Amino acid sequence: MLHLMRSRLVQQRTALIDRARAMRLECGVAVGRGRKTMAGKLPALLARDDLGLTQTRRDMLSQCVQG
């Protein structure tokens, strides 16, 4: 039973990361795949003003990093 719960949590986390990656790509920001890559590089990208990200997208992406 526990392994099924863990599997579901991993699937949900992966789906969330994939959605965040798709949002970045829509804005023309390509970053490598994976949870660690996203967690490491996304805060620096959110701090940049030259990307043209709206505040709403910044908020959504920062929520993805926070978990």
Protein backbone atom coordinates (compact mmCIF):
# COMPACT_ATOMS: atom_id res chain seq x y z
CA MET A 1 0.00 0.00 0.00
CA LEU A 2 2.78 2.42 0.90
CA HIS A 3 4.55 1.91 -2.41
CA LEU A 4 1.34 2.83 -4.25
CA MET A 5 1.08 6.09 -2.32
CA ARG A 6 4.71 6.92 -3.05
CA SER A 7 4.23 6.11 -6.72
CA ARG A 8 1.26 8.48 -6.89
CA LEU A 9 3.22 11.28 -5.22
CA VAL A 10 6.11 10.84 -7.66
CA GLN A 11 3.68 10.95 -10.60
CA GLN A 12 2.09 14.16 -9.31
CA ARG A 13 5.49 15.78 -8.74
CA THR A 14 6.63 14.81 -12.23
CA ALA A 15 3.45 16.22 -13.77
CA LEU A 16 3.94 19.50 -11.90
CA ILE A 17 7.55 19.80 -13.06
CA ASP A 18 6.52 19.02 -16.64
CA ARG A 19 3.87 21.74 -16.56
CA ALA A 20 6.38 24.25 -15.22
CA ARG A 21 8.85 23.25 -17.94
CA ALA A 22 6.17 23.75 -20.59
CA MET A 23 5.41 27.23 -19.21
CA ARG A 24 9.09 28.14 -19.41
CA LEU A 25 9.31 26.90 -22.98
CA GLU A 26 6.27 28.98 -23.94
CA CYS A 27 8.21 32.03 -22.79
CA GLY A 28 11.29 30.97 -24.70
CA VAL A 29 13.27 29.91 -21.63
CA ALA A 30 14.85 26.50 -22.14
CA VAL A 31 16.27 24.79 -19.07
CA GLY A 32 17.28 21.16 -18.79
CA ARG A 33 14.91 18.48 -17.67
CA GLY A 34 14.62 17.14 -14.16
CA ARG A 35 13.65 18.20 -10.68
CA LYS A 36 17.15 19.13 -9.51
CA THR A 37 17.86 21.21 -12.60
CA MET A 38 14.60 23.10 -12.21
CA ALA A 39 15.10 23.72 -8.50
CA GLY A 40 18.64 24.94 -9.10
CA LYS A 41 18.13 27.25 -12.06
CA LEU A 42 14.58 28.53 -11.80
CA PRO A 43 15.11 31.01 -8.93
CA ALA A 44 17.84 32.78 -10.93
CA LEU A 45 15.60 32.89 -14.00
CA LEU A 46 12.72 34.34 -12.01
CA ALA A 47 14.99 37.13 -10.81
CA ARG A 48 15.78 38.24 -14.37
CA ASP A 49 13.72 41.08 -15.81
CA ASP A 50 14.72 40.61 -19.44
CA LEU A 51 12.67 37.43 -19.96
CA GLY A 52 9.32 39.17 -20.26
CA LEU A 53 7.60 36.96 -17.69
CA THR A 54 4.39 38.37 -16.30
CA GLN A 55 3.98 38.52 -12.55
CA THR A 56 1.35 35.78 -12.75
CA ARG A 57 3.77 33.43 -14.50
CA ARG A 58 6.51 34.29 -12.03
CA ASP A 59 4.17 33.45 -9.15
CA MET A 60 3.11 30.17 -10.74
CA LEU A 61 6.65 29.08 -11.43
CA SER A 62 7.87 30.05 -7.97
CA GLN A 63 5.07 27.96 -6.44
CA CYS A 64 6.33 25.01 -8.44
CA VAL A 65 9.77 25.40 -6.92
CA GLN A 66 8.41 25.71 -3.40
CA GLY A 67 6.57 22.47 -3.77
